[in-house]
């Protein structure tokens, strides 16, 4: 029964994306505000379906930042992105370039100011990221980057890459770390969703003026213990 409910939610998730994505495309094409408005309606229905069908609720802890800020978030699940877009006033993501071609999703991502980057090319990818972010500097909002560069399964170690520090240094933005436990409830592969409460937690901003090594070390030391704490909570309360 749980698998069937998860399957129904998957159909709900993508069915809404197609129907509402097409219905609200004129508003999104007209303005960035129209795109955020459309995404807000979509997410309200998605989260309602997630709770009703899968018994999974989402909780945001800490204070989501506003204004011009760099958000450096752990990435475990597609659910991360949904929660961050809903929690932040004007989220704009550094995203992998292949998503530009994803129907509906790619169009809306570009309309809200996402910066597409080709992954896996080392410093060429970093240079591309800086160019794409610079092109969109005039768009207000919270620039979201996943400092490990990809989704990381809970319990798996992966290095923190230099891209987030380059943005922090180049633009002088405050950096807000984000920890989460979403991968325990919404895994990277498959349709199954575990019931419980998935948490995204905004942590204290990093100090200003950190050098490359100190930035990466401080960012990792803020995020990883908080991720471990949230993982232990998910296991203890929900067996996730």
Protein backbone atom coordinates (compact mmCIF):
# COMPACT_ATOMS: atom_id res chain seq x y z
CA UNK A 1 0.00 0.00 0.00
CA UNK A 2 2.83 2.42 0.84
CA UNK A 3 4.44 1.77 -2.54
CA UNK A 4 1.12 2.45 -4.30
CA UNK A 5 0.68 5.72 -2.41
CA UNK A 6 4.23 6.74 -3.33
CA UNK A 7 3.51 5.95 -6.97
CA UNK A 8 0.34 8.05 -6.87
CA UNK A 9 2.32 10.92 -5.38
CA UNK A 10 4.91 10.65 -8.17
CA UNK A 11 2.10 10.93 -10.71
CA UNK A 12 0.73 13.90 -8.75
CA UNK A 13 4.17 15.58 -8.66
CA UNK A 14 4.85 15.34 -12.37
CA UNK A 15 1.26 15.60 -13.53
CA UNK A 16 0.91 18.93 -11.72
CA UNK A 17 4.22 20.05 -13.18
CA UNK A 18 2.92 19.52 -16.70
CA UNK A 19 -0.60 20.87 -16.21
CA UNK A 20 0.24 23.91 -14.08
CA UNK A 21 3.51 24.48 -15.89
CA UNK A 22 1.69 24.89 -19.18
CA UNK A 23 -1.26 26.75 -17.65
CA UNK A 24 0.94 29.34 -15.94
CA UNK A 25 3.62 29.57 -18.66
CA UNK A 26 2.30 32.95 -19.92
CA UNK A 27 2.62 34.45 -16.42
CA UNK A 28 6.14 33.04 -16.06
CA UNK A 29 7.12 34.30 -19.50
CA UNK A 30 5.73 37.75 -18.67
CA UNK A 31 7.79 38.28 -15.52
CA UNK A 32 10.05 36.66 -12.96
CA UNK A 33 7.45 37.47 -10.32
CA UNK A 34 4.92 35.53 -12.38
CA UNK A 35 7.24 32.51 -12.39
CA UNK A 36 7.60 32.60 -8.59
CA UNK A 37 3.82 32.97 -8.24
CA UNK A 38 3.24 29.90 -10.41
CA UNK A 39 5.86 27.87 -8.57
CA UNK A 40 4.27 28.84 -5.24
CA UNK A 41 0.90 27.45 -6.27
CA UNK A 42 2.53 24.28 -7.58
CA UNK A 43 4.49 23.71 -4.37
CA UNK A 44 1.46 24.25 -2.16
CA UNK A 45 -0.31 21.41 -3.96
CA UNK A 46 2.79 19.20 -4.07
CA UNK A 47 3.40 19.43 -0.33
CA UNK A 48 -0.28 18.81 0.40
CA UNK A 49 -0.12 15.66 -1.73
CA UNK A 50 3.13 14.56 -0.12
CA UNK A 51 1.60 14.72 3.35
CA UNK A 52 -1.72 13.18 2.38
CA UNK A 53 -0.39 10.32 0.25
CA UNK A 54 3.00 9.57 1.83
CA UNK A 55 2.63 10.87 5.39
CA UNK A 56 5.70 13.04 4.88
CA UNK A 57 5.74 16.61 6.21
CA UNK A 58 8.47 19.19 5.75
CA UNK A 59 9.81 21.49 8.45
CA UNK A 60 12.05 24.54 8.11
CA UNK A 61 14.18 25.48 11.10
CA UNK A 62 16.20 28.61 11.61
CA UNK A 63 15.56 31.89 9.83
CA UNK A 64 15.53 31.74 6.00
CA UNK A 65 17.63 34.69 4.80
CA UNK A 66 16.33 37.46 2.59
CA UNK A 67 18.12 39.95 0.37
CA UNK A 68 21.40 39.27 -1.42
CA UNK A 69 22.97 36.23 0.21
CA UNK A 70 24.76 33.01 -0.70
CA UNK A 71 23.02 29.87 0.56
CA UNK A 72 25.36 26.85 0.71
CA UNK A 73 23.17 23.78 1.22
CA UNK A 74 23.70 20.09 1.72
CA UNK A 75 22.03 18.18 -1.12
CA UNK A 76 20.51 14.74 -0.61
CA UNK A 77 17.24 14.76 -2.52
CA UNK A 78 15.00 16.54 -5.01
CA UNK A 79 12.96 17.43 -1.94
CA UNK A 80 15.76 19.83 -0.88
CA UNK A 81 15.11 21.99 -3.90
CA UNK A 82 11.36 22.06 -3.37
CA UNK A 83 11.72 23.11 0.27
CA UNK A 84 14.37 25.75 -0.44
CA UNK A 85 12.32 27.37 -3.21
CA UNK A 86 9.35 27.53 -0.88
CA UNK A 87 11.32 28.80 2.13
CA UNK A 88 13.40 31.49 0.43
CA UNK A 89 11.80 34.70 -0.90
CA UNK A 90 13.63 34.63 -4.26
CA UNK A 91 15.77 31.52 -4.62
CA UNK A 92 17.97 31.23 -7.70
CA UNK A 93 20.06 28.08 -8.05
CA UNK A 94 23.37 27.05 -9.50
CA UNK A 95 22.14 23.96 -11.36
CA UNK A 96 23.49 21.34 -13.73
CA UNK A 97 23.15 22.39 -17.36
CA UNK A 98 21.34 19.26 -18.49
CA UNK A 99 18.26 20.39 -16.52
CA UNK A 100 17.84 23.31 -18.92
CA UNK A 101 16.40 20.81 -21.38
CA UNK A 102 14.02 19.20 -18.88
CA UNK A 103 10.44 19.99 -19.99
CA UNK A 104 8.73 22.63 -17.85
CA UNK A 105 11.35 22.46 -15.09
CA UNK A 106 14.11 23.96 -17.22
CA UNK A 107 11.93 26.83 -18.41
CA UNK A 108 10.88 27.84 -14.91
CA UNK A 109 14.41 27.44 -13.51
CA UNK A 110 15.75 29.89 -16.08
CA UNK A 111 12.88 32.30 -15.50
CA UNK A 112 13.72 32.62 -11.80
CA UNK A 113 17.40 33.17 -12.56
CA UNK A 114 19.10 29.78 -12.24
CA UNK A 115 22.70 29.59 -13.48
CA UNK A 116 23.32 26.41 -15.52
CA UNK A 117 26.74 24.76 -15.28
CA UNK A 118 28.21 21.75 -17.08
CA UNK A 119 29.43 19.37 -14.39
CA UNK A 120 32.54 17.24 -14.41
CA UNK A 121 34.98 19.54 -16.23
CA UNK A 122 36.99 20.72 -13.24
CA UNK A 123 38.05 24.35 -13.36
CA UNK A 124 36.29 24.82 -16.71
CA UNK A 125 33.03 24.15 -14.89
CA UNK A 126 34.00 26.65 -12.18
CA UNK A 127 34.77 29.33 -14.79
CA UNK A 128 31.46 28.61 -16.50
CA UNK A 129 29.65 28.96 -13.18
CA UNK A 130 31.21 32.36 -12.53
CA UNK A 131 30.24 33.59 -16.01
CA UNK A 132 26.65 32.38 -15.67
CA UNK A 133 26.20 33.87 -12.19
CA UNK A 134 27.68 37.18 -13.38
CA UNK A 135 25.15 37.28 -16.24
CA UNK A 136 22.35 37.19 -13.69
CA UNK A 137 23.79 39.51 -11.09
CA UNK A 138 21.04 42.03 -11.76
CA UNK A 139 18.40 39.59 -10.53
CA UNK A 140 17.77 40.06 -6.81
CA UNK A 141 17.54 37.05 -4.56
CA UNK A 142 19.26 34.27 -2.66
CA UNK A 143 21.88 32.43 -4.69
CA UNK A 144 21.72 28.74 -3.76
CA UNK A 145 24.69 26.47 -4.36
CA UNK A 146 25.31 22.87 -3.36
CA UNK A 147 28.98 22.99 -2.28
CA UNK A 148 29.53 19.27 -2.80
CA UNK A 149 28.33 19.68 -6.38
CA UNK A 150 25.73 16.92 -6.43
CA UNK A 151 23.32 14.91 -4.32
CA UNK A 152 25.10 12.90 -1.63
CA UNK A 153 23.45 9.86 -0.08
CA UNK A 154 23.06 10.03 3.72
CA UNK A 155 26.10 8.64 5.47
CA UNK A 156 28.36 8.99 2.42
CA UNK A 157 31.33 11.37 2.58
CA UNK A 158 32.02 13.71 -0.33
CA UNK A 159 34.44 16.65 -0.58
CA UNK A 160 33.34 20.28 -0.48
CA UNK A 161 34.34 21.98 -3.73
CA UNK A 162 35.80 25.51 -4.19
CA UNK A 163 32.93 27.02 -6.18
CA UNK A 164 31.02 28.35 -3.18
CA UNK A 165 34.09 30.17 -1.86
CA UNK A 166 34.70 31.84 -5.22
CA UNK A 167 31.17 33.24 -5.19
CA UNK A 168 31.54 34.30 -1.54
CA UNK A 169 34.80 36.11 -2.30
CA UNK A 170 33.88 37.58 -5.71
CA UNK A 171 30.60 39.14 -4.61
CA UNK A 172 31.17 39.69 -0.90
CA UNK A 173 27.92 37.92 -0.06
CA UNK A 174 27.07 36.65 3.41
CA UNK A 175 27.05 32.83 3.34
CA UNK A 176 24.33 30.91 5.14
CA UNK A 177 24.95 27.14 5.52
CA UNK A 178 22.01 24.73 5.35
CA UNK A 179 21.79 21.25 6.87
CA UNK A 180 19.04 18.71 6.22
CA UNK A 181 17.93 15.10 6.47
CA UNK A 182 15.68 14.85 3.41
CA UNK A 183 17.53 11.89 1.91
CA UNK A 184 16.30 9.69 4.75
CA UNK A 185 12.71 10.20 3.59
CA UNK A 186 12.96 10.93 -0.16
CA UNK A 187 15.87 8.91 -1.61
CA UNK A 188 17.75 9.78 -4.76
CA UNK A 189 16.37 6.81 -6.71
CA UNK A 190 13.02 5.05 -6.75
CA UNK A 191 9.53 6.23 -5.94
CA UNK A 192 9.29 5.20 -2.27
CA UNK A 193 8.87 7.96 0.31
CA UNK A 194 9.12 7.35 4.05
CA UNK A 195 6.58 8.93 6.42
CA UNK A 196 7.87 11.39 8.98
CA UNK A 197 9.14 14.96 9.08
CA UNK A 198 11.93 16.00 6.73
CA UNK A 199 13.89 18.94 8.11
CA UNK A 200 15.82 21.73 6.37
CA UNK A 201 17.73 23.88 8.85
CA UNK A 202 19.28 27.30 8.18
CA UNK A 203 22.41 27.70 10.30
CA UNK A 204 24.35 30.73 11.51
CA UNK A 205 26.06 32.70 8.71
CA UNK A 206 29.78 32.21 8.20
CA UNK A 207 32.17 34.97 9.29
CA UNK A 208 33.20 37.50 6.67
CA UNK A 209 36.59 37.55 4.96
CA UNK A 210 37.50 33.88 5.17
CA UNK A 211 40.24 32.57 2.90
CA UNK A 212 39.67 29.53 0.64
CA UNK A 213 40.82 26.84 3.07
CA UNK A 214 39.22 28.44 6.12
CA UNK A 215 35.96 28.93 4.23
CA UNK A 216 35.68 25.30 3.14
CA UNK A 217 36.74 24.01 6.55
CA UNK A 218 34.31 26.27 8.39
CA UNK A 219 31.45 25.49 6.01
CA UNK A 220 31.95 21.75 6.37
CA UNK A 221 32.32 22.00 10.16
CA UNK A 222 28.99 23.84 10.36
CA UNK A 223 27.00 21.64 8.00
CA UNK A 224 28.18 18.08 8.65
CA UNK A 225 27.60 17.90 12.44
CA UNK A 226 24.16 19.43 11.93
CA UNK A 227 23.43 16.85 9.21
CA UNK A 228 24.51 14.06 11.59
CA UNK A 229 22.24 15.47 14.30
CA UNK A 230 19.25 15.62 11.96
CA UNK A 231 20.01 12.11 10.68
CA UNK A 232 20.01 10.77 14.24
CA UNK A 233 16.68 12.50 14.82
CA UNK A 234 15.19 10.92 11.69
CA UNK A 235 16.36 7.45 12.79
CA UNK A 236 15.20 7.84 16.38
CA UNK A 237 11.76 9.29 15.68
CA UNK A 238 10.84 7.66 12.37
CA UNK A 239 13.24 4.77 11.82
CA UNK A 240 14.38 6.48 8.61
